[in-house]
Protein backbone atom coordinates (compact mmCIF):
# COMPACT_ATOMS: atom_id res chain seq x y z
CA UNK A 1 -43.21 -45.65 24.49
CA UNK A 2 -43.15 -41.76 25.65
CA UNK A 3 -42.63 -43.26 29.58
CA UNK A 4 -39.28 -45.36 28.82
CA UNK A 5 -38.11 -42.16 26.61
CA UNK A 6 -38.43 -40.10 29.62
CA UNK A 7 -37.01 -42.55 31.99
CA UNK A 8 -34.20 -43.66 30.30
CA UNK A 9 -32.04 -40.89 30.88
CA UNK A 10 -33.12 -40.75 34.78
CA UNK A 11 -31.86 -44.39 35.08
CA UNK A 12 -28.42 -43.70 33.27
CA UNK A 13 -27.88 -40.54 35.58
CA UNK A 14 -28.48 -42.71 38.80
CA UNK A 15 -26.09 -45.23 37.33
CA UNK A 16 -23.41 -42.77 36.67
CA UNK A 17 -23.92 -41.25 39.96
CA UNK A 18 -22.83 -44.26 42.02
CA UNK A 19 -19.69 -44.95 39.67
CA UNK A 20 -16.45 -43.86 41.62
CA UNK A 21 -15.36 -40.39 40.55
CA UNK A 22 -12.03 -41.84 39.19
CA UNK A 23 -13.80 -43.68 36.76
CA UNK A 24 -15.78 -40.84 35.49
CA UNK A 25 -12.78 -38.63 35.43
CA UNK A 26 -10.96 -41.13 32.94
CA UNK A 27 -8.60 -42.49 35.64
CA UNK A 28 -7.87 -45.98 36.67
CA UNK A 29 -7.45 -45.38 40.32
CA UNK A 30 -9.68 -43.13 42.76
CA UNK A 31 -9.02 -39.30 42.89
CA UNK A 32 -6.91 -39.17 46.01
CA UNK A 33 -4.58 -41.73 44.83
CA UNK A 34 -3.78 -39.79 41.51
CA UNK A 35 -3.68 -36.25 43.50
CA UNK A 36 -1.10 -37.65 45.82
CA UNK A 37 1.30 -39.00 43.17
CA UNK A 38 0.70 -35.66 41.23
CA UNK A 39 1.72 -33.71 44.17
CA UNK A 40 4.92 -35.96 44.18
CA UNK A 41 6.02 -35.70 40.96
CA UNK A 42 6.15 -31.86 41.26
CA UNK A 43 2.96 -30.94 39.34
CA UNK A 44 1.40 -29.63 42.45
CA UNK A 45 4.12 -29.32 44.76
CA UNK A 46 7.92 -29.29 45.31
CA UNK A 47 9.51 -29.00 41.86
CA UNK A 48 12.18 -31.65 40.78
CA UNK A 49 15.68 -30.72 41.25
CA UNK A 50 17.11 -29.57 37.69
CA UNK A 51 20.26 -31.74 37.70
CA UNK A 52 18.12 -34.90 38.33
CA UNK A 53 16.48 -37.18 35.70
CA UNK A 54 12.71 -37.21 35.25
CA UNK A 55 10.72 -38.68 32.60
CA UNK A 56 9.60 -36.67 29.69
CA UNK A 57 5.63 -35.20 30.08
CA UNK A 58 3.04 -36.32 27.33
CA UNK A 59 -0.10 -35.61 29.38
CA UNK A 60 -1.86 -33.07 31.67
CA UNK A 61 -0.55 -33.13 35.15
CA UNK A 62 -3.37 -35.23 36.45
CA UNK A 63 -2.93 -37.86 34.07
CA UNK A 64 0.84 -37.36 34.59
CA UNK A 65 0.50 -38.46 38.50
CA UNK A 66 -2.15 -41.64 37.42
CA UNK A 67 0.22 -42.70 34.90
CA UNK A 68 3.30 -42.57 37.35
CA UNK A 69 1.28 -44.46 40.26
CA UNK A 70 -0.03 -47.33 37.78
CA UNK A 71 3.11 -47.69 35.38
CA UNK A 72 6.20 -47.07 37.67
CA UNK A 73 7.09 -47.79 41.36
CA UNK A 74 7.40 -44.59 43.68
CA UNK A 75 10.04 -42.47 44.71
CA UNK A 76 11.26 -44.47 47.42
CA UNK A 77 11.62 -47.83 45.52
CA UNK A 78 13.47 -45.49 42.80
CA UNK A 79 16.21 -44.92 45.38
CA UNK A 80 17.05 -48.70 45.68
CA UNK A 81 17.80 -48.95 42.01
CA UNK A 82 21.67 -49.70 41.60
CA UNK A 83 21.73 -46.94 38.46
CA UNK A 84 20.05 -44.49 40.63
CA UNK A 85 22.67 -45.07 43.62
CA UNK A 86 25.25 -44.43 41.55
CA UNK A 87 24.21 -41.21 40.30
CA UNK A 88 23.36 -40.23 43.61
CA UNK A 89 27.35 -40.88 44.53
CA UNK A 90 28.56 -39.44 41.67
CA UNK A 91 26.87 -36.37 42.59
CA UNK A 92 27.90 -36.49 45.77
CA UNK A 93 31.73 -37.10 45.15
CA UNK A 94 31.45 -34.38 42.08
CA UNK A 95 33.18 -37.09 39.45
CA UNK A 96 33.22 -34.25 36.84
CA UNK A 97 35.93 -32.64 38.89
CA UNK A 98 38.35 -35.72 39.23
CA UNK A 99 39.90 -34.89 35.92
CA UNK A 100 41.57 -31.43 37.81
CA UNK A 101 43.14 -33.49 39.69
CA UNK A 102 45.86 -35.81 38.39
CA UNK A 103 47.81 -32.53 36.72
CA UNK A 104 49.01 -31.52 40.05
CA UNK A 105 50.86 -34.75 40.68
CA UNK A 106 52.19 -34.12 36.76
CA UNK A 107 53.13 -30.72 37.08
CA UNK A 108 54.92 -31.43 40.26
CA UNK A 109 57.08 -33.95 38.63
CA UNK A 110 57.85 -31.93 35.82
CA UNK A 111 58.79 -29.17 38.09
CA UNK A 112 61.42 -31.33 39.95
CA UNK A 113 62.81 -32.35 36.35
CA UNK A 114 61.62 -36.11 36.36
CA UNK A 115 59.75 -38.20 34.35
CA UNK A 116 56.60 -39.25 35.88
CA UNK A 117 57.30 -42.94 37.17
CA UNK A 118 55.86 -45.32 39.85
CA UNK A 119 55.64 -42.26 42.52
CA UNK A 120 53.90 -40.11 40.61
CA UNK A 121 51.04 -42.77 39.79
CA UNK A 122 50.81 -43.34 43.41
CA UNK A 123 50.69 -39.63 44.22
CA UNK A 124 48.24 -39.36 41.61
CA UNK A 125 45.68 -42.45 43.48
CA UNK A 126 46.49 -40.33 46.67
CA UNK A 127 45.49 -37.27 45.49
CA UNK A 128 42.09 -38.67 44.06
CA UNK A 129 41.05 -40.48 47.06
CA UNK A 130 41.78 -37.27 49.32
CA UNK A 131 39.94 -35.23 47.16
CA UNK A 132 37.24 -37.26 46.75
CA UNK A 133 37.20 -37.24 50.78
CA UNK A 134 36.95 -33.86 50.97
CA UNK A 135 33.95 -33.80 48.66
CA UNK A 136 31.94 -36.18 50.74
CA UNK A 137 33.00 -34.86 53.96
CA UNK A 138 32.09 -31.43 52.53
CA UNK A 139 28.39 -32.33 51.70
CA UNK A 140 28.09 -34.03 55.35
CA UNK A 141 29.20 -30.77 57.11
CA UNK A 142 26.60 -28.85 55.03
CA UNK A 143 23.74 -30.76 54.80
CA UNK A 144 21.58 -28.35 56.83
CA UNK A 145 22.60 -25.70 54.76
CA UNK A 146 22.28 -27.39 51.67
CA UNK A 147 18.88 -28.35 52.76
CA UNK A 148 17.73 -24.80 52.39
CA UNK A 149 19.86 -23.52 49.46
CA UNK A 150 20.49 -26.95 47.41
CA UNK A 151 17.53 -29.49 48.71
CA UNK A 152 18.48 -31.43 45.63
CA UNK A 153 21.68 -32.55 46.65
CA UNK A 154 22.13 -36.15 47.56
CA UNK A 155 21.96 -35.72 51.38
CA UNK A 156 19.17 -33.46 51.68
CA UNK A 157 16.99 -35.13 49.28
CA UNK A 158 17.69 -38.66 51.62
CA UNK A 159 19.37 -40.23 48.28
CA UNK A 160 22.40 -41.13 50.36
CA UNK A 161 22.53 -40.83 54.36
CA UNK A 162 25.05 -38.40 56.40
CA UNK A 163 26.40 -41.56 58.06
CA UNK A 164 27.18 -43.19 54.69
CA UNK A 165 29.01 -39.88 53.22
CA UNK A 166 31.01 -39.45 56.47
CA UNK A 167 32.03 -42.97 56.64
CA UNK A 168 32.99 -42.43 52.69
CA UNK A 169 35.26 -39.41 53.63
CA UNK A 170 36.96 -41.75 56.47
CA UNK A 171 37.83 -44.38 54.08
CA UNK A 172 38.94 -42.34 51.45
CA UNK A 173 41.35 -40.57 53.36
CA UNK A 174 42.74 -43.82 54.73
CA UNK A 175 43.22 -45.21 51.39
CA UNK A 176 44.65 -42.06 50.41
CA UNK A 177 47.56 -41.92 53.03
CA UNK A 178 48.06 -45.88 52.48
CA UNK A 179 48.93 -44.94 48.79
CA UNK A 180 51.23 -42.00 49.92
CA UNK A 181 52.86 -44.24 52.31
CA UNK A 182 53.83 -46.74 49.53
CA UNK A 183 55.88 -43.83 47.71
CA UNK A 184 57.61 -43.49 50.86
CA UNK A 185 58.07 -41.53 54.07
CA UNK A 186 58.58 -37.79 52.55
CA UNK A 187 55.43 -38.57 50.22
CA UNK A 188 53.33 -39.67 53.42
CA UNK A 189 54.25 -36.44 55.14
CA UNK A 190 52.98 -34.33 52.68
CA UNK A 191 49.69 -36.24 51.96
CA UNK A 192 49.20 -35.91 56.10
CA UNK A 193 49.38 -32.41 55.64
CA UNK A 194 46.93 -32.35 52.75
CA UNK A 195 44.59 -34.50 54.35
CA UNK A 196 44.73 -32.53 57.74
CA UNK A 197 44.11 -29.19 55.69
CA UNK A 198 40.86 -31.17 54.08
CA UNK A 199 39.31 -32.02 56.93
CA UNK A 200 40.16 -28.78 58.77
CA UNK A 201 38.43 -26.46 55.81
CA UNK A 202 35.12 -28.56 55.40
CA UNK A 203 34.75 -28.88 59.26
CA UNK A 204 35.67 -25.24 60.29
CA UNK A 205 37.60 -23.27 58.02
CA UNK A 206 35.19 -23.12 55.38
CA UNK A 207 32.94 -20.46 56.91
CA UNK A 208 35.92 -18.20 58.16
CA UNK A 209 38.15 -16.11 56.50
CA UNK A 210 40.55 -18.47 56.14
CA UNK A 211 38.68 -20.75 54.13
CA UNK A 212 40.02 -19.64 50.50
CA UNK A 213 43.67 -19.77 52.01
CA UNK A 214 43.05 -23.42 53.38
CA UNK A 215 41.88 -24.36 49.69
CA UNK A 216 44.97 -22.71 48.15
CA UNK A 217 47.20 -24.49 50.54
CA UNK A 218 45.39 -27.98 49.84
CA UNK A 219 46.31 -27.58 46.10
CA UNK A 220 49.52 -26.51 46.65
CA UNK A 221 50.32 -29.47 48.94
CA UNK A 222 49.06 -31.78 46.24
CA UNK A 223 51.37 -30.36 43.80
CA UNK A 224 54.12 -30.70 46.05
CA UNK A 225 52.55 -34.37 46.91
CA UNK A 226 53.19 -35.43 43.25
CA UNK A 227 56.66 -33.51 43.45
CA UNK A 228 57.92 -35.17 46.51
CA UNK A 229 56.73 -38.79 45.38
CA UNK A 230 58.45 -38.18 41.97
CA UNK A 231 61.73 -37.23 43.48
CA UNK A 232 62.05 -39.76 46.47
CA UNK A 233 60.31 -42.84 45.23
CA UNK A 234 62.78 -44.51 43.78
CA UNK A 235 62.73 -48.31 43.41
CA UNK A 236 65.61 -50.84 42.24
CA UNK A 237 65.16 -52.28 38.66
CA UNK A 238 64.34 -55.58 40.46
CA UNK A 239 61.23 -54.13 41.80
CA UNK A 240 62.52 -54.06 45.43
CA UNK A 241 64.08 -51.42 47.09
CA UNK A 242 67.43 -50.50 46.46
CA UNK A 243 69.42 -49.79 50.04
CA UNK A 244 71.38 -46.86 48.56
CA UNK A 245 68.17 -45.28 46.64
CA UNK A 246 66.26 -45.05 49.81
CA UNK A 247 68.59 -44.06 51.82
CA UNK A 248 69.29 -41.07 49.51
CA UNK A 249 65.76 -40.11 49.01
CA UNK A 250 65.56 -40.27 53.06
CA UNK A 251 68.43 -37.95 53.20
CA UNK A 252 66.69 -35.59 50.68
CA UNK A 253 63.22 -35.75 52.24
CA UNK A 254 61.09 -32.52 51.86
CA UNK A 255 63.92 -30.63 50.39
CA UNK A 256 63.41 -32.61 46.94
CA UNK A 257 60.32 -30.93 46.37
CA UNK A 258 61.77 -27.04 46.70
CA UNK A 259 62.29 -27.12 42.90
CA UNK A 260 58.27 -27.09 42.59
CA UNK A 261 57.47 -24.39 45.06
CA UNK A 262 56.85 -21.96 42.53
CA UNK A 263 54.56 -23.67 40.35
CA UNK A 264 52.85 -24.99 43.74
CA UNK A 265 52.33 -21.06 44.63
CA UNK A 266 50.56 -20.36 41.00
CA UNK A 267 48.30 -23.05 41.21
CA UNK A 268 47.68 -22.25 44.88
CA UNK A 269 46.69 -18.60 44.04
CA UNK A 270 44.35 -19.71 41.42
CA UNK A 271 42.63 -21.87 43.68
CA UNK A 272 42.26 -19.01 46.10
CA UNK A 273 40.56 -17.06 43.69
CA UNK A 274 38.19 -19.83 42.51
CA UNK A 275 37.31 -20.50 46.36
CA UNK A 276 36.90 -16.67 47.02
CA UNK A 277 34.31 -16.53 44.04
CA UNK A 278 32.39 -20.11 45.17
CA UNK A 279 31.42 -18.48 48.67
CA UNK A 280 28.79 -16.44 46.64
CA UNK A 281 27.66 -18.98 44.38
CA UNK A 282 24.14 -19.62 45.93
CA UNK A 283 23.33 -16.52 46.94
CA UNK A 284 25.35 -14.17 44.09
CA UNK A 285 25.34 -10.37 44.48
CA UNK A 286 29.10 -9.73 44.62
CA UNK A 287 30.60 -7.88 41.50
CA UNK A 288 34.27 -7.01 43.29
CA UNK A 289 35.24 -10.61 43.74
CA UNK A 290 35.02 -12.02 40.15
CA UNK A 291 36.42 -8.67 38.74
CA UNK A 292 39.52 -8.89 41.39
CA UNK A 293 39.97 -13.01 40.54
CA UNK A 294 39.85 -11.82 36.66
CA UNK A 295 42.88 -9.63 37.35
CA UNK A 296 44.74 -12.14 39.58
CA UNK A 297 44.05 -14.96 36.49
CA UNK A 298 45.51 -12.29 34.21
CA UNK A 299 48.59 -11.71 36.38
CA UNK A 300 49.29 -15.54 36.99
CA UNK A 301 49.29 -16.03 33.07
CA UNK A 302 51.68 -13.11 32.84
CA UNK A 303 53.80 -14.57 35.52
CA UNK A 304 53.64 -18.25 34.04
CA UNK A 305 54.58 -16.60 30.54
CA UNK A 306 57.45 -14.27 32.23
CA UNK A 307 58.89 -16.29 34.85
CA UNK A 308 61.65 -18.69 33.68
CA UNK A 309 62.36 -21.32 36.31
CA UNK A 310 64.67 -23.25 34.03
CA UNK A 311 65.05 -26.64 33.55
CA UNK A 312 66.01 -28.59 36.65
CA UNK A 313 70.29 -30.28 36.45
CA UNK A 314 69.26 -33.61 36.11
CA UNK A 315 66.58 -33.46 33.74
CA UNK A 316 67.66 -35.79 30.70
CA UNK A 317 69.30 -33.62 28.04
CA UNK A 318 70.35 -31.04 30.12
CA UNK A 319 73.99 -30.69 30.80
CA UNK A 320 75.69 -29.31 33.59
CA UNK A 321 77.01 -26.42 32.00
CA UNK A 322 73.65 -25.48 30.32
CA UNK A 323 72.20 -25.48 34.13
CA UNK A 324 74.86 -23.49 35.40
CA UNK A 325 74.45 -20.90 32.55
CA UNK A 326 70.79 -21.03 32.95
CA UNK A 327 70.68 -17.14 34.67
CA UNK A 328 73.03 -15.74 32.12
CA UNK A 329 70.87 -17.47 29.42
CA UNK A 330 67.65 -16.51 30.46
CA UNK A 331 69.08 -12.87 30.41
CA UNK A 332 70.43 -13.32 26.91
CA UNK A 333 67.12 -14.44 25.64
CA UNK A 334 65.14 -12.17 23.78
CA UNK A 335 61.61 -11.22 25.02
CA UNK A 336 59.76 -12.02 27.98
CA UNK A 337 59.62 -15.54 26.41
CA UNK A 338 63.00 -16.01 25.52
CA UNK A 339 63.28 -17.90 22.17
CA UNK A 340 60.27 -17.60 20.36
CA UNK A 341 60.99 -20.25 18.15
CA UNK A 342 61.29 -22.76 20.87
CA UNK A 343 58.31 -25.11 20.33
CA UNK A 344 58.19 -25.90 24.00
CA UNK A 345 57.99 -22.23 24.77
CA UNK A 346 55.27 -21.83 21.90
CA UNK A 347 53.58 -24.49 23.60
CA UNK A 348 53.33 -22.80 26.88
CA UNK A 349 52.00 -19.85 25.31
CA UNK A 350 49.23 -21.80 23.81
CA UNK A 351 48.30 -23.58 26.90
CA UNK A 352 48.40 -20.15 29.08
CA UNK A 353 46.04 -18.80 26.32
CA UNK A 354 43.55 -21.95 26.61
CA UNK A 355 44.01 -21.05 30.53
CA UNK A 356 42.96 -17.74 30.21
CA UNK A 357 40.30 -18.39 27.58
CA UNK A 358 38.69 -20.97 30.16
CA UNK A 359 38.57 -18.98 33.15
CA UNK A 360 38.29 -15.36 31.98
CA UNK A 361 34.89 -15.08 30.22
CA UNK A 362 32.60 -16.72 33.20
CA UNK A 363 34.51 -14.20 35.45
CA UNK A 364 33.68 -11.43 33.62
CA UNK A 365 30.12 -12.32 33.17
CA UNK A 366 29.93 -12.98 36.99
CA UNK A 367 31.51 -9.72 37.33
CA UNK A 368 28.76 -7.90 35.04
CA UNK A 369 25.64 -9.77 36.27
CA UNK A 370 26.47 -11.27 39.93
CA UNK A 371 23.70 -13.85 39.77
CA UNK A 372 24.20 -17.33 41.29
CA UNK A 373 23.67 -19.20 37.74
CA UNK A 374 26.52 -16.78 36.31
CA UNK A 375 28.51 -17.01 39.59
CA UNK A 376 28.48 -20.96 39.73
CA UNK A 377 29.46 -20.95 35.89
CA UNK A 378 32.18 -18.82 36.90
CA UNK A 379 33.24 -21.26 39.41
CA UNK A 380 33.07 -24.14 37.10
CA UNK A 381 35.20 -22.22 34.68
CA UNK A 382 37.85 -21.84 37.37
CA UNK A 383 37.78 -25.54 37.93
CA UNK A 384 38.12 -26.43 34.39
CA UNK A 385 40.72 -23.91 33.90
CA UNK A 386 43.07 -25.84 36.35
CA UNK A 387 43.75 -28.28 33.65
CA UNK A 388 45.36 -25.81 31.12
CA UNK A 389 47.10 -24.20 34.25
CA UNK A 390 48.45 -27.48 35.16
CA UNK A 391 49.53 -28.18 31.66
CA UNK A 392 51.22 -24.53 30.84
CA UNK A 393 53.09 -25.06 34.05
CA UNK A 394 54.57 -28.28 32.93
CA UNK A 395 55.43 -27.11 29.70
CA UNK A 396 57.25 -23.99 31.32
CA UNK A 397 59.43 -26.61 33.04
CA UNK A 398 60.21 -28.05 30.15
CA UNK A 399 57.81 -31.51 29.79
CA UNK A 400 55.93 -31.03 26.55
CA UNK A 401 54.60 -34.55 26.54
CA UNK A 402 53.43 -34.39 30.25
CA UNK A 403 51.52 -31.06 29.22
CA UNK A 404 50.00 -32.74 26.24
CA UNK A 405 49.21 -35.73 28.62
CA UNK A 406 47.24 -33.53 31.21
CA UNK A 407 45.64 -31.35 28.23
CA UNK A 408 44.03 -34.91 27.04
CA UNK A 409 42.32 -34.93 30.10
CA UNK A 410 40.14 -32.00 28.78
CA UNK A 411 37.78 -33.71 26.88
CA UNK A 412 36.90 -36.18 29.29
CA UNK A 413 36.07 -33.40 31.62
CA UNK A 414 33.95 -31.65 29.26
CA UNK A 415 32.13 -34.63 28.54
CA UNK A 416 31.32 -35.63 32.38
CA UNK A 417 30.66 -32.52 33.10
CA UNK A 418 27.54 -32.56 30.89
CA UNK A 419 26.16 -35.58 33.24
CA UNK A 420 27.45 -34.46 36.51
CA UNK A 421 27.55 -30.56 38.06
CA UNK A 422 31.02 -29.45 38.67
CA UNK A 423 29.65 -27.44 41.84
């Protein structure tokens, strides 16, 4: 009996020594497999991207690796899932910033004194295509730089190939020009200049001193595209082109968008500032740039409130006598905003305040602490502030319904920005 009592522990020890190490540690697989998966999951290797979804952790690092290996496919198979691929394209195209685009065409239509119509809708479609083409081309051109500064972006992380991004940029550019051509030859001319500016910026001008100016020109041209397409895209009631209307539009050509130039310059100036701040969003360290852009933002808001561009002679409800007496009436109005009891003017004041409220605080925070996260927030705030600025420009031109429609995009942009980063 004593012999059995002494030999039993020895037999158990010998049995345990020949079992695989994974069994001793409680894993269902061997040790090397668990370690490999653990390093891929981020517990012992590269940390996952902050904006990439990750299942919640309910165990220790080693156990998480074993669970990953046994319970779900590896990272390579995840890339092929439709939902993951859709999210990768949403990140590449920055779909959360799309809501800042339709307001360009709508503000342009208001600036030339026209209600939004078929030409405006075509201009919005062309603008969306060209904007997304610029986003795809931007990441394709910056793929080597993003591999160092932003390895979680779709191209450096391998979720989207460079060839696919470049091909998408080409297809979207062609689609944008085709939509602009449907609005008429003058609109196609403006859209061609816009597309050329976008490609020149992404491929060369972005890293030069002319980068912010090129981006500002692109936004200004986008507003002018809406103005031109709205003013010249006239069709007969039956749906076919009326010869007299087409001939009149051809004679007007690009001068039809001239009344929209002041609004285009305001929007372009804002875009210049946002682009200047974005040049420091990965490294930070700039205090003077956010301060200068904050001063510019305040000056633009004052210009929108002070400058009265009047209503176009052909706006419904405006008589020729009122149009001719516009400068005299502006001098007789009290204060910089004219008749403060006018609901349209009050709406313009409210929307301008919303513009300042959206763009101002993030710029101030970035100036006080020029860290990369706060600088990126300032850039995101500047992009979101374009919507109330477009609405304020439309209200200032005497189109309150258009202004309210533009502001209706704010909740949609805010909701999508929580899922996909603006920058």
